[in-house]
N, C-alpha and C. Protein backbone atom coordinates (compact mmCIF):
# COMPACT_ATOMS: atom_id res chain seq x y z
N MET A 1 5.97 0.48 22.99
CA MET A 1 4.58 0.49 22.35
C MET A 1 4.58 1.14 21.21
N ALA A 2 3.43 1.28 20.30
CA ALA A 2 3.15 1.76 19.11
C ALA A 2 3.27 3.33 19.37
N ALA A 3 3.66 4.08 17.98
CA ALA A 3 3.37 5.58 18.48
C ALA A 3 2.04 5.61 18.04
N THR A 4 1.24 6.38 19.02
CA THR A 4 -0.15 6.80 18.85
C THR A 4 -0.43 7.47 17.73
N ALA A 5 0.44 8.11 17.18
CA ALA A 5 0.30 8.84 15.81
C ALA A 5 -0.23 8.18 14.72
N GLU A 6 -0.01 6.86 14.85
CA GLU A 6 -0.06 5.98 13.84
C GLU A 6 -1.70 5.07 13.93
N GLN A 7 -1.97 5.44 15.02
CA GLN A 7 -3.30 4.35 15.56
C GLN A 7 -4.59 5.02 14.94
N SER A 8 -5.38 4.31 14.24
CA SER A 8 -6.42 5.03 13.66
C SER A 8 -6.20 5.85 12.16
N CYS A 9 -5.18 5.36 11.78
CA CYS A 9 -4.66 6.06 10.43
C CYS A 9 -5.33 5.23 9.18
N ILE A 10 -5.07 5.61 7.85
CA ILE A 10 -5.68 4.86 6.72
C ILE A 10 -4.60 4.18 6.03
N GLN A 11 -4.62 2.84 6.24
CA GLN A 11 -3.56 2.07 5.31
C GLN A 11 -4.26 1.98 3.83
N ILE A 12 -3.45 2.40 2.95
CA ILE A 12 -3.84 2.31 1.64
C ILE A 12 -2.93 1.25 0.81
N VAL A 13 -3.53 -0.06 0.23
CA VAL A 13 -2.98 -1.08 -0.39
C VAL A 13 -3.29 -0.90 -1.93
N THR A 14 -2.12 -0.71 -2.67
CA THR A 14 -2.42 -0.29 -4.07
C THR A 14 -1.75 -1.53 -5.07
N TYR A 15 -2.29 -2.44 -5.80
CA TYR A 15 -1.54 -3.38 -6.98
C TYR A 15 -1.66 -2.72 -8.06
N ILE A 16 -0.38 -2.71 -8.20
CA ILE A 16 0.03 -2.07 -9.84
C ILE A 16 0.68 -3.18 -10.66
N ARG A 17 0.50 -2.60 -11.92
CA ARG A 17 0.91 -3.52 -13.09
C ARG A 17 2.08 -2.53 -14.02
N ARG A 18 2.96 -3.68 -14.31
CA ARG A 18 4.29 -2.80 -14.89
C ARG A 18 3.88 -2.99 -16.29
N ARG A 19 4.64 -1.65 -16.92
CA ARG A 19 4.46 -1.57 -18.63
C ARG A 19 5.00 -2.87 -19.17
N CYS A 20 4.48 -3.66 -20.25
CA CYS A 20 4.74 -4.76 -20.72
C CYS A 20 6.05 -4.82 -21.63
N ASP A 21 6.65 -3.63 -21.82
CA ASP A 21 7.96 -3.86 -22.37
C ASP A 21 8.99 -3.73 -21.38
N LEU A 22 8.50 -3.60 -20.04
CA LEU A 22 9.75 -3.66 -19.01
C LEU A 22 9.73 -5.09 -18.54
N THR A 23 11.00 -5.37 -18.09
CA THR A 23 11.12 -6.75 -17.42
C THR A 23 10.81 -6.54 -16.10
N PRO A 24 10.47 -7.24 -15.19
CA PRO A 24 10.45 -7.45 -13.78
C PRO A 24 11.61 -6.72 -13.15
N ALA A 25 12.76 -7.10 -13.43
CA ALA A 25 13.86 -6.61 -13.01
C ALA A 25 13.96 -4.96 -13.18
N GLN A 26 13.79 -4.47 -14.59
CA GLN A 26 13.90 -2.98 -15.08
C GLN A 26 12.65 -2.18 -14.21
N PHE A 27 11.56 -3.08 -14.20
CA PHE A 27 10.65 -2.39 -13.29
C PHE A 27 10.64 -2.04 -11.84
N TYR A 28 11.56 -3.12 -11.15
CA TYR A 28 11.56 -3.05 -9.74
C TYR A 28 12.74 -1.96 -9.52
N ASP A 29 13.78 -2.00 -10.29
CA ASP A 29 14.69 -0.99 -10.74
C ASP A 29 14.39 0.38 -10.47
N HIS A 30 13.38 0.51 -11.57
CA HIS A 30 13.05 1.92 -11.93
C HIS A 30 12.20 2.40 -10.57
N TRP A 31 11.34 1.40 -9.98
CA TRP A 31 10.13 1.81 -9.27
C TRP A 31 10.96 2.32 -7.95
N GLU A 32 12.09 1.34 -7.68
CA GLU A 32 12.58 1.84 -6.44
C GLU A 32 13.88 2.98 -6.28
N ASN A 33 14.53 3.06 -7.63
CA ASN A 33 15.56 3.85 -7.51
C ASN A 33 15.32 5.28 -8.30
N VAL A 34 14.52 5.22 -9.29
CA VAL A 34 13.86 6.41 -9.99
C VAL A 34 12.62 7.08 -9.37
N HIS A 35 11.50 6.15 -9.52
CA HIS A 35 10.21 6.72 -9.09
C HIS A 35 10.12 7.13 -7.28
N ALA A 36 10.37 6.03 -6.50
CA ALA A 36 10.60 6.22 -5.27
C ALA A 36 11.04 7.76 -4.71
N PRO A 37 12.28 8.12 -5.28
CA PRO A 37 12.91 9.04 -4.93
C PRO A 37 12.10 10.73 -5.22
N LYS A 38 11.29 10.54 -6.11
CA LYS A 38 10.45 11.40 -6.92
C LYS A 38 9.24 11.45 -6.00
N VAL A 39 8.84 10.38 -5.34
CA VAL A 39 7.70 10.12 -4.74
C VAL A 39 7.63 10.83 -3.08
N ILE A 40 9.22 10.24 -2.68
CA ILE A 40 9.57 10.61 -1.08
C ILE A 40 9.03 11.99 -0.89
N PRO A 41 9.75 13.29 -1.41
CA PRO A 41 9.48 14.67 -0.99
C PRO A 41 7.89 15.15 -1.05
N TRP A 42 7.09 14.27 -1.98
CA TRP A 42 5.64 14.85 -2.20
C TRP A 42 5.15 14.06 -1.07
N ALA A 43 5.16 12.85 -0.83
CA ALA A 43 4.61 12.15 0.47
C ALA A 43 4.86 12.78 1.51
N GLU A 44 6.27 13.25 1.92
CA GLU A 44 6.45 14.07 2.89
C GLU A 44 5.55 15.52 3.35
N LYS A 45 5.48 16.13 2.24
CA LYS A 45 4.74 17.23 1.93
C LYS A 45 3.37 17.06 2.36
N HIS A 46 2.79 15.95 2.15
CA HIS A 46 1.43 15.87 2.14
C HIS A 46 1.10 14.72 3.35
N GLY A 47 2.02 14.82 4.34
CA GLY A 47 1.78 14.17 5.74
C GLY A 47 1.52 12.62 5.66
N ILE A 48 2.13 12.05 4.45
CA ILE A 48 2.28 10.48 4.16
C ILE A 48 3.03 10.05 5.47
N LEU A 49 2.67 9.22 6.18
CA LEU A 49 3.41 8.64 7.58
C LEU A 49 4.18 7.45 7.13
N ARG A 50 4.05 6.94 5.91
CA ARG A 50 4.51 5.67 5.44
C ARG A 50 4.43 5.38 4.10
N TYR A 51 5.49 4.99 3.32
CA TYR A 51 5.48 4.66 1.86
C TYR A 51 6.43 3.43 1.86
N GLN A 52 5.81 2.22 1.32
CA GLN A 52 6.41 1.09 1.20
C GLN A 52 6.30 0.48 0.11
N GLN A 53 7.30 -0.31 -0.61
CA GLN A 53 6.70 -1.04 -1.92
C GLN A 53 7.19 -2.71 -1.60
N ILE A 54 6.28 -3.41 -2.17
CA ILE A 54 6.40 -4.90 -1.78
C ILE A 54 6.33 -5.15 -3.35
N HIS A 55 7.86 -5.72 -3.63
CA HIS A 55 8.14 -6.29 -4.92
C HIS A 55 7.83 -7.51 -5.18
N VAL A 56 6.64 -7.78 -5.55
CA VAL A 56 5.92 -9.26 -5.76
C VAL A 56 5.07 -9.06 -6.59
N SER A 57 4.72 -10.40 -7.38
CA SER A 57 3.92 -10.47 -8.60
C SER A 57 2.87 -11.46 -8.11
N GLY A 58 1.80 -11.22 -8.94
CA GLY A 58 0.73 -12.37 -8.68
C GLY A 58 -0.39 -12.00 -9.48
N SER A 59 -1.53 -12.56 -9.30
CA SER A 59 -2.76 -12.07 -10.33
C SER A 59 -3.79 -12.14 -9.30
N MET A 60 -4.79 -11.03 -9.87
CA MET A 60 -6.07 -10.90 -9.34
C MET A 60 -6.94 -10.24 -10.17
N VAL A 61 -8.53 -10.26 -9.86
CA VAL A 61 -9.43 -9.75 -10.58
C VAL A 61 -9.43 -8.42 -10.63
N PRO A 62 -9.11 -7.23 -11.53
CA PRO A 62 -9.27 -6.08 -11.45
C PRO A 62 -10.29 -5.54 -10.51
N VAL A 63 -10.36 -4.61 -9.99
CA VAL A 63 -11.38 -3.96 -8.98
C VAL A 63 -11.32 -2.44 -9.57
N ALA A 64 -12.55 -1.91 -9.68
CA ALA A 64 -12.37 -0.60 -10.07
C ALA A 64 -11.84 0.58 -9.18
N ALA A 65 -11.28 1.44 -9.54
CA ALA A 65 -10.64 2.57 -8.61
C ALA A 65 -11.53 2.85 -7.67
N THR A 66 -10.98 2.97 -6.38
CA THR A 66 -11.48 3.72 -5.09
C THR A 66 -11.15 4.97 -5.13
N ASN A 67 -11.78 5.68 -4.00
CA ASN A 67 -11.09 7.09 -3.85
C ASN A 67 -9.72 7.07 -3.31
N SER A 68 -9.08 5.98 -3.10
CA SER A 68 -7.76 5.90 -2.64
C SER A 68 -6.58 5.73 -3.92
N ALA A 69 -7.35 5.82 -5.14
CA ALA A 69 -6.50 5.99 -6.01
C ALA A 69 -6.86 6.80 -7.37
N PRO A 70 -6.72 8.13 -7.30
CA PRO A 70 -7.62 8.94 -8.10
C PRO A 70 -6.68 8.99 -9.32
N ASN A 71 -5.42 8.48 -9.68
CA ASN A 71 -4.49 8.31 -10.61
C ASN A 71 -5.07 6.74 -11.37
N ALA A 72 -5.86 6.41 -10.84
CA ALA A 72 -6.27 4.97 -11.63
C ALA A 72 -7.59 5.13 -12.46
N LEU A 73 -7.60 5.46 -13.83
CA LEU A 73 -8.39 6.01 -14.46
C LEU A 73 -9.03 4.79 -15.31
N SER A 74 -10.23 4.50 -14.83
CA SER A 74 -10.61 3.07 -15.95
C SER A 74 -11.61 3.55 -17.07
N THR A 75 -11.00 3.38 -18.46
CA THR A 75 -11.55 3.72 -19.36
C THR A 75 -12.54 2.73 -20.31
N GLY A 76 -12.75 1.66 -19.58
CA GLY A 76 -13.61 0.62 -20.25
C GLY A 76 -14.11 -0.66 -19.11
N GLU A 77 -14.70 -1.45 -19.62
CA GLU A 77 -15.05 -2.64 -18.92
C GLU A 77 -14.01 -3.01 -18.16
N LEU A 78 -14.02 -3.56 -16.95
CA LEU A 78 -12.57 -4.22 -16.25
C LEU A 78 -12.95 -5.79 -16.75
N PRO A 79 -11.71 -6.68 -16.95
CA PRO A 79 -11.82 -8.01 -17.07
C PRO A 79 -12.45 -8.58 -15.87
N SER A 80 -13.26 -9.62 -15.97
CA SER A 80 -13.69 -10.66 -14.82
C SER A 80 -12.80 -11.60 -14.67
N THR A 81 -11.65 -11.93 -15.29
CA THR A 81 -10.78 -12.92 -14.95
C THR A 81 -9.36 -12.15 -14.56
N PRO A 82 -8.55 -12.88 -13.75
CA PRO A 82 -7.26 -12.44 -13.01
C PRO A 82 -6.28 -12.25 -14.21
N ILE A 83 -5.92 -10.86 -13.83
CA ILE A 83 -4.71 -10.30 -14.70
C ILE A 83 -3.58 -10.36 -13.46
N GLU A 84 -2.31 -10.18 -14.04
CA GLU A 84 -1.18 -10.22 -13.35
C GLU A 84 -1.15 -8.86 -12.79
N PHE A 85 -0.28 -8.80 -11.61
CA PHE A 85 0.10 -7.50 -11.29
C PHE A 85 1.74 -7.73 -10.73
N ASP A 86 2.45 -6.40 -10.51
CA ASP A 86 3.75 -6.77 -10.25
C ASP A 86 4.57 -5.95 -8.92
N GLY A 87 3.39 -5.29 -8.43
CA GLY A 87 3.99 -5.06 -7.00
C GLY A 87 3.08 -4.20 -6.25
N ILE A 88 3.03 -4.09 -5.03
CA ILE A 88 2.30 -3.37 -4.15
C ILE A 88 2.81 -2.35 -3.40
N ALA A 89 2.10 -1.06 -3.78
CA ALA A 89 2.23 -0.04 -2.96
C ALA A 89 1.54 0.30 -1.64
N LEU A 90 2.14 0.74 -0.45
CA LEU A 90 1.39 0.83 0.64
C LEU A 90 1.51 2.34 1.13
N PHE A 91 0.67 2.85 1.58
CA PHE A 91 0.69 4.10 2.07
C PHE A 91 -0.29 4.09 3.50
N LEU A 92 0.63 4.64 4.38
CA LEU A 92 0.04 5.02 5.65
C LEU A 92 -0.55 6.69 5.82
N VAL A 93 -1.66 6.69 5.95
CA VAL A 93 -1.92 8.34 5.85
C VAL A 93 -2.80 8.60 6.99
N PRO A 94 -2.73 9.84 7.62
CA PRO A 94 -3.84 10.18 8.64
C PRO A 94 -5.32 10.40 8.08
N SER A 95 -5.27 10.64 6.87
CA SER A 95 -6.94 10.92 6.47
C SER A 95 -6.72 10.75 5.09
N LEU A 96 -7.81 9.69 4.38
CA LEU A 96 -7.85 9.55 2.92
C LEU A 96 -7.95 11.08 2.18
N LYS A 97 -8.83 11.90 2.72
CA LYS A 97 -8.94 13.34 1.96
C LYS A 97 -7.59 14.06 1.77
N GLN A 98 -6.84 13.99 2.68
CA GLN A 98 -5.20 14.68 2.90
C GLN A 98 -4.56 13.82 1.87
N PHE A 99 -4.50 12.40 1.59
CA PHE A 99 -3.64 11.68 0.69
C PHE A 99 -4.23 12.18 -0.82
N THR A 100 -5.54 12.13 -1.22
CA THR A 100 -6.12 12.39 -2.35
C THR A 100 -5.83 13.62 -2.67
N ASN A 101 -5.91 14.82 -1.94
CA ASN A 101 -5.60 16.23 -2.31
C ASN A 101 -4.44 16.20 -2.82
N GLY A 102 -3.23 15.52 -2.49
CA GLY A 102 -2.04 15.61 -2.77
C GLY A 102 -1.99 15.10 -4.48
N PHE A 103 -2.84 14.41 -4.86
CA PHE A 103 -2.70 14.16 -6.56
C PHE A 103 -3.16 15.21 -7.49
N LYS A 104 -3.48 16.61 -6.52
CA LYS A 104 -3.88 17.77 -7.33
C LYS A 104 -2.61 18.65 -7.21
N ASP A 105 -1.37 18.43 -6.46
CA ASP A 105 -0.25 19.01 -6.42
C ASP A 105 0.34 19.15 -7.82
N PRO A 106 0.69 20.54 -8.19
CA PRO A 106 1.60 20.35 -9.54
C PRO A 106 2.64 19.64 -9.73
N TYR A 107 3.46 19.23 -8.84
CA TYR A 107 4.40 18.33 -8.47
C TYR A 107 3.94 17.17 -9.05
N TYR A 108 2.83 16.55 -8.39
CA TYR A 108 2.50 15.09 -8.71
C TYR A 108 2.26 15.24 -10.23
N ILE A 109 1.50 16.19 -10.55
CA ILE A 109 0.67 15.98 -12.25
C ILE A 109 2.12 16.35 -13.22
N GLU A 110 2.98 17.15 -12.46
CA GLU A 110 4.19 17.53 -13.57
C GLU A 110 5.43 16.39 -13.44
N VAL A 111 5.66 15.87 -12.38
CA VAL A 111 6.76 14.84 -12.07
C VAL A 111 6.44 13.70 -11.80
N ILE A 112 5.66 13.33 -11.18
CA ILE A 112 5.31 11.72 -10.41
C ILE A 112 4.45 11.36 -11.75
N GLU A 113 3.33 11.97 -12.08
CA GLU A 113 2.65 11.43 -12.92
C GLU A 113 3.04 10.90 -14.51
N PRO A 114 4.03 11.83 -14.88
CA PRO A 114 4.89 11.50 -16.34
C PRO A 114 5.59 10.23 -15.86
N ASP A 115 6.29 10.11 -14.93
CA ASP A 115 7.05 8.87 -14.50
C ASP A 115 6.31 7.78 -14.14
N GLU A 116 5.07 7.76 -13.84
CA GLU A 116 4.12 6.78 -13.75
C GLU A 116 4.02 6.09 -15.20
N ARG A 117 3.87 7.12 -16.09
CA ARG A 117 4.05 6.25 -17.61
C ARG A 117 5.05 5.66 -17.96
N GLU A 118 6.19 6.06 -17.45
CA GLU A 118 7.50 5.10 -17.75
C GLU A 118 7.57 3.74 -17.35
N MET A 119 6.48 3.62 -16.07
CA MET A 119 7.07 2.16 -15.45
C MET A 119 5.56 1.37 -15.46
N LEU A 120 4.41 2.07 -15.42
CA LEU A 120 3.04 1.34 -14.98
C LEU A 120 2.29 1.07 -16.64
N ASP A 121 1.65 0.39 -16.61
CA ASP A 121 0.81 0.00 -17.92
C ASP A 121 -0.54 0.70 -17.75
N LYS A 122 -0.42 1.97 -18.37
CA LYS A 122 -1.42 2.91 -18.21
C LYS A 122 -2.40 2.89 -19.13
N ALA A 123 -2.30 1.81 -20.29
CA ALA A 123 -3.22 1.63 -21.11
C ALA A 123 -4.10 0.43 -20.59
N GLY A 124 -3.81 -0.19 -19.59
CA GLY A 124 -4.31 -1.38 -19.03
C GLY A 124 -5.27 -0.94 -18.12
N PRO A 125 -6.32 -1.85 -17.57
CA PRO A 125 -7.17 -1.68 -16.58
C PRO A 125 -6.76 -0.84 -15.20
N GLY A 126 -7.37 0.03 -15.10
CA GLY A 126 -7.30 1.05 -13.79
C GLY A 126 -5.79 2.19 -14.30
N SER A 127 -5.23 2.09 -15.61
CA SER A 127 -4.20 2.86 -15.97
C SER A 127 -2.89 2.28 -14.96
N GLY A 128 -2.73 0.99 -14.86
CA GLY A 128 -1.68 0.40 -14.18
C GLY A 128 -2.12 0.15 -12.76
N VAL A 129 -3.13 0.50 -12.03
CA VAL A 129 -3.38 0.17 -10.81
C VAL A 129 -4.62 -0.77 -11.03
N VAL A 130 -4.04 -2.20 -10.62
CA VAL A 130 -5.12 -3.24 -11.05
C VAL A 130 -6.47 -2.95 -9.86
N ALA A 131 -5.80 -2.80 -8.68
CA ALA A 131 -7.11 -2.54 -7.43
C ALA A 131 -6.20 -1.57 -6.21
N SER A 132 -7.18 -0.90 -5.64
CA SER A 132 -6.72 -0.12 -4.66
C SER A 132 -7.72 -0.15 -3.68
N PHE A 133 -7.23 -0.16 -2.30
CA PHE A 133 -8.22 -0.60 -1.38
C PHE A 133 -7.59 0.11 -0.01
N GLN A 134 -8.59 0.68 1.00
CA GLN A 134 -8.11 1.40 2.17
C GLN A 134 -9.00 0.88 2.91
N GLY A 135 -8.59 1.16 4.36
CA GLY A 135 -9.15 0.86 5.81
C GLY A 135 -8.54 1.26 7.02
N GLU A 136 -9.14 1.28 7.93
CA GLU A 136 -8.60 1.85 9.38
C GLU A 136 -7.54 1.04 9.54
N MET A 137 -6.23 1.18 9.73
CA MET A 137 -4.83 0.59 10.41
C MET A 137 -5.06 0.38 11.83
N ILE A 138 -5.38 -1.00 12.42
CA ILE A 138 -5.02 -1.19 13.77
C ILE A 138 -4.03 -1.94 14.16
N ASP A 139 -3.07 -1.57 14.97
CA ASP A 139 -1.69 -2.15 15.24
C ASP A 139 -2.31 -3.42 16.18
N MET A 140 -1.89 -4.64 16.27
CA MET A 140 -1.94 -5.44 17.17
C MET A 140 -0.46 -5.88 17.79
N ILE A 141 0.59 -6.03 17.03
CA ILE A 141 1.91 -5.77 17.62
C ILE A 141 2.64 -4.85 16.79
N HIS A 142 3.68 -4.20 17.27
CA HIS A 142 4.39 -3.26 16.96
C HIS A 142 5.77 -3.39 17.65
N GLN A 143 6.77 -3.33 16.95
CA GLN A 143 8.21 -3.63 17.35
C GLN A 143 8.07 -4.80 18.75
N GLU A 144 7.67 -5.55 18.03
CA GLU A 144 7.78 -7.17 18.94
C GLU A 144 6.46 -7.02 20.21
N GLN A 145 6.05 -5.83 20.38
CA GLN A 145 5.19 -5.54 21.51
C GLN A 145 3.77 -5.54 21.19
N SER A 146 3.15 -6.43 22.04
CA SER A 146 1.44 -6.37 21.99
C SER A 146 0.99 -4.73 22.22
N ILE A 147 0.28 -4.37 21.20
CA ILE A 147 -0.29 -3.35 21.56
C ILE A 147 -1.53 -3.32 22.51
N MET A 148 -2.23 -4.63 22.28
CA MET A 148 -3.47 -4.81 22.94
C MET A 148 -3.21 -5.01 24.62
N GLY A 149 -2.08 -5.15 24.96
CA GLY A 149 -1.89 -5.34 26.83
C GLY A 149 -2.61 -6.37 27.23
N MET A 150 -2.95 -6.24 28.55
CA MET A 150 -3.49 -7.45 29.03
C MET A 150 -5.25 -7.11 29.68
N LYS A 151 -6.11 -7.12 28.72
CA LYS A 151 -7.22 -6.42 28.74
C LYS A 151 -8.18 -7.57 27.94
N GLY A 152 -9.28 -7.84 28.65
CA GLY A 152 -10.29 -8.71 28.13
C GLY A 152 -9.71 -10.21 27.52
N LYS A 153 -10.06 -10.37 26.37
CA LYS A 153 -9.72 -11.81 25.82
C LYS A 153 -8.07 -11.70 25.56
N HIS A 154 -7.74 -10.82 25.53
CA HIS A 154 -6.10 -10.78 25.29
C HIS A 154 -5.18 -11.35 26.60
N ALA A 155 -5.51 -10.91 27.82
CA ALA A 155 -5.25 -11.43 28.96
C ALA A 155 -5.56 -13.11 29.06
N GLU A 156 -6.68 -13.42 28.61
CA GLU A 156 -7.08 -14.62 28.57
C GLU A 156 -6.35 -15.60 27.75
N TYR A 157 -5.85 -15.06 26.77
CA TYR A 157 -5.30 -15.96 25.68
C TYR A 157 -3.91 -16.11 26.09
N ARG A 158 -3.36 -14.62 26.55
CA ARG A 158 -1.92 -14.72 27.17
C ARG A 158 -1.80 -15.84 27.98
N LYS A 159 -2.68 -15.97 28.91
CA LYS A 159 -2.59 -17.03 30.10
C LYS A 159 -2.56 -18.45 29.26
N VAL A 160 -3.09 -18.69 28.33
CA VAL A 160 -3.37 -19.88 27.69
C VAL A 160 -2.00 -20.46 26.80
N PHE A 161 -1.39 -19.07 26.17
CA PHE A 161 0.03 -19.24 25.47
C PHE A 161 0.85 -19.50 26.61
N GLU A 162 0.89 -19.06 27.51
CA GLU A 162 2.03 -19.10 28.68
C GLU A 162 1.77 -20.62 29.12
N GLU A 163 0.77 -21.15 29.35
CA GLU A 163 0.77 -22.47 30.07
C GLU A 163 1.26 -23.20 28.74
N PHE A 164 1.01 -23.11 27.37
CA PHE A 164 1.51 -24.01 26.37
C PHE A 164 3.13 -24.03 26.70
N GLU A 165 3.49 -22.72 26.70
CA GLU A 165 5.14 -22.43 26.69
C GLU A 165 5.45 -23.28 28.07
N LYS A 166 4.98 -23.25 29.01
CA LYS A 166 5.26 -24.12 30.13
C LYS A 166 5.49 -25.41 30.06
N ARG A 167 4.30 -26.14 29.31
CA ARG A 167 4.53 -27.40 29.02
C ARG A 167 5.60 -27.89 27.97
N GLY A 168 5.81 -26.74 27.00
CA GLY A 168 6.49 -27.33 25.82
C GLY A 168 8.40 -27.42 26.81
N LYS A 169 8.32 -26.68 27.76
CA LYS A 169 9.86 -26.50 28.30
C LYS A 169 10.08 -27.71 29.61
N ALA A 170 8.82 -28.26 29.89
CA ALA A 170 8.95 -29.27 30.99
C ALA A 170 9.34 -30.66 30.51
């Protein structure tokens, strides 16, 4: 079953955009092999339970920075048409306040933020953070196991599933 320490935590999903003079390969290499090693000790210090990178590109309409991305400074009107993003950073935190307080840490200001300038489109919408969202994380499955158990609708649909499985093997 899931570690109860992660239940009711806040999941932060941040879409980021690379500096235009970097190729996707250069960006992903820097993000994983230069930036992440700088972020990890800061994240551990500030109680961040999980930091993940998704190396993916796509497009979306930019969204004004939320409380989950104090490093995303919008200096003008945001575009109303989709723009490209180059990755998604995921953070799992016990509280949003605990996470955002970390951005005041001198280590973030003197080490991490300058490195963001080496990889993110700081001149673009949100200073390279196209959008950031946060919400309560609720596990449904963890390590191949249902977290919901056999209560209510979960028990009912487990039985429906088992009946389908029996028919498929007959």
